[in-house]
C-alpha atoms as a PDB file:
ATOM      1  CA  UNK A   1      71.423 197.045 180.846  1.00  0.00           C
ATOM      2  CA  UNK A   2      69.180 194.609 179.275  1.00  0.00           C
ATOM      3  CA  UNK A   3      68.942 191.955 182.130  1.00  0.00           C
ATOM      4  CA  UNK A   4      68.902 194.479 184.650  1.00  0.00           C
ATOM      5  CA  UNK A   5      67.357 197.487 183.126  1.00  0.00           C
ATOM      6  CA  UNK A   6      63.480 197.468 184.807  1.00  0.00           C
ATOM      7  CA  UNK A   7      62.053 199.013 181.559  1.00  0.00           C
ATOM      8  CA  UNK A   8      63.384 195.940 179.765  1.00  0.00           C
ATOM      9  CA  UNK A   9      62.399 193.473 181.917  1.00  0.00           C
ATOM     10  CA  UNK A  10      59.469 192.349 179.531  1.00  0.00           C
ATOM     11  CA  UNK A  11      62.550 191.619 176.815  1.00  0.00           C
ATOM     12  CA  UNK A  12      63.592 188.914 178.748  1.00  0.00           C
ATOM     13  CA  UNK A  13      60.141 186.876 179.451  1.00  0.00           C
ATOM     14  CA  UNK A  14      59.840 186.935 175.812  1.00  0.00           C
ATOM     15  CA  UNK A  15      61.310 183.129 174.258  1.00  0.00           C
ATOM     16  CA  UNK A  16      63.929 184.202 171.619  1.00  0.00           C
ATOM     17  CA  UNK A  17      66.170 186.465 174.418  1.00  0.00           C
ATOM     18  CA  UNK A  18      67.977 183.144 174.895  1.00  0.00           C
ATOM     19  CA  UNK A  19      68.600 182.479 171.904  1.00  0.00           C
ATOM     20  CA  UNK A  20      69.739 185.953 171.624  1.00  0.00           C
ATOM     21  CA  UNK A  21      71.946 186.096 174.672  1.00  0.00           C
ATOM     22  CA  UNK A  22      73.595 183.324 172.933  1.00  0.00           C
ATOM     23  CA  UNK A  23      74.394 184.574 169.958  1.00  0.00           C
ATOM     24  CA  UNK A  24      76.098 187.230 171.552  1.00  0.00           C
ATOM     25  CA  UNK A  25      73.383 190.097 171.112  1.00  0.00           C
ATOM     26  CA  UNK A  26      73.180 189.271 167.936  1.00  0.00           C
ATOM     27  CA  UNK A  27      69.951 189.563 165.406  1.00  0.00           C
ATOM     28  CA  UNK A  28      70.263 186.721 163.516  1.00  0.00           C
ATOM     29  CA  UNK A  29      70.280 187.341 159.385  1.00  0.00           C
ATOM     30  CA  UNK A  30      67.663 185.792 157.639  1.00  0.00           C
ATOM     31  CA  UNK A  31      69.021 184.904 154.524  1.00  0.00           C
ATOM     32  CA  UNK A  32      66.375 186.154 151.820  1.00  0.00           C
ATOM     33  CA  UNK A  33      64.514 182.932 150.002  1.00  0.00           C
ATOM     34  CA  UNK A  34      64.598 182.769 146.170  1.00  0.00           C
ATOM     35  CA  UNK A  35      61.037 182.095 145.944  1.00  0.00           C
ATOM     36  CA  UNK A  36      60.884 185.082 148.584  1.00  0.00           C
ATOM     37  CA  UNK A  37      62.724 187.526 145.357  1.00  0.00           C
ATOM     38  CA  UNK A  38      60.971 185.998 142.537  1.00  0.00           C
ATOM     39  CA  UNK A  39      57.413 186.678 143.900  1.00  0.00           C
ATOM     40  CA  UNK A  40      58.408 190.139 144.569  1.00  0.00           C
ATOM     41  CA  UNK A  41      60.273 191.247 141.620  1.00  0.00           C
ATOM     42  CA  UNK A  42      56.682 189.749 140.033  1.00  0.00           C
ATOM     43  CA  UNK A  43      55.024 192.156 142.211  1.00  0.00           C
ATOM     44  CA  UNK A  44      57.203 195.072 141.514  1.00  0.00           C
ATOM     45  CA  UNK A  45      56.277 194.374 137.415  1.00  0.00           C
ATOM     46  CA  UNK A  46      52.592 194.344 138.097  1.00  0.00           C
ATOM     47  CA  UNK A  47      52.975 197.192 140.243  1.00  0.00           C
ATOM     48  CA  UNK A  48      54.590 199.200 137.475  1.00  0.00           C
ATOM     49  CA  UNK A  49      52.636 198.322 134.792  1.00  0.00           C
ATOM     50  CA  UNK A  50      49.468 199.546 136.418  1.00  0.00           C
ATOM     51  CA  UNK A  51      51.046 202.840 137.239  1.00  0.00           C
ATOM     52  CA  UNK A  52      51.991 202.688 133.215  1.00  0.00           C
ATOM     53  CA  UNK A  53      48.759 202.231 132.527  1.00  0.00           C
ATOM     54  CA  UNK A  54      47.011 204.746 134.772  1.00  0.00           C
ATOM     55  CA  UNK A  55      45.908 202.746 136.949  1.00  0.00           C
ATOM     56  CA  UNK A  56      48.339 204.522 140.032  1.00  0.00           C
ATOM     57  CA  UNK A  57      49.301 207.475 141.231  1.00  0.00           C
ATOM     58  CA  UNK A  58      52.647 208.004 141.811  1.00  0.00           C
ATOM     59  CA  UNK A  59      52.225 208.768 145.287  1.00  0.00           C
ATOM     60  CA  UNK A  60      49.599 205.045 145.499  1.00  0.00           C
ATOM     61  CA  UNK A  61      52.537 203.520 143.189  1.00  0.00           C
ATOM     62  CA  UNK A  62      55.236 204.881 146.067  1.00  0.00           C
ATOM     63  CA  UNK A  63      53.408 203.056 148.961  1.00  0.00           C
ATOM     64  CA  UNK A  64      52.474 200.037 147.307  1.00  0.00           C
ATOM     65  CA  UNK A  65      56.728 199.551 146.473  1.00  0.00           C
ATOM     66  CA  UNK A  66      57.748 200.274 149.743  1.00  0.00           C
ATOM     67  CA  UNK A  67      55.404 197.522 151.388  1.00  0.00           C
ATOM     68  CA  UNK A  68      57.056 195.152 148.758  1.00  0.00           C
ATOM     69  CA  UNK A  69      60.205 195.826 149.099  1.00  0.00           C
ATOM     70  CA  UNK A  70      60.384 196.644 153.249  1.00  0.00           C
ATOM     71  CA  UNK A  71      57.625 193.917 154.058  1.00  0.00           C
END
């Protein structure tokens, strides 16, 4: 369907589409970088400190936490 469907024609122009097909239509998993993991932990710790000190509301904390976790 991706190869013939008109609604997906834009995907076929993407440079990574050929590799996606060669990989059996599987999205490659990104191996997390250790440095990125430590950076995220550091950011979360600082965020928690800001919340504990009253600088962030619960809502602000949750929003920022989700940005760090899902970035």
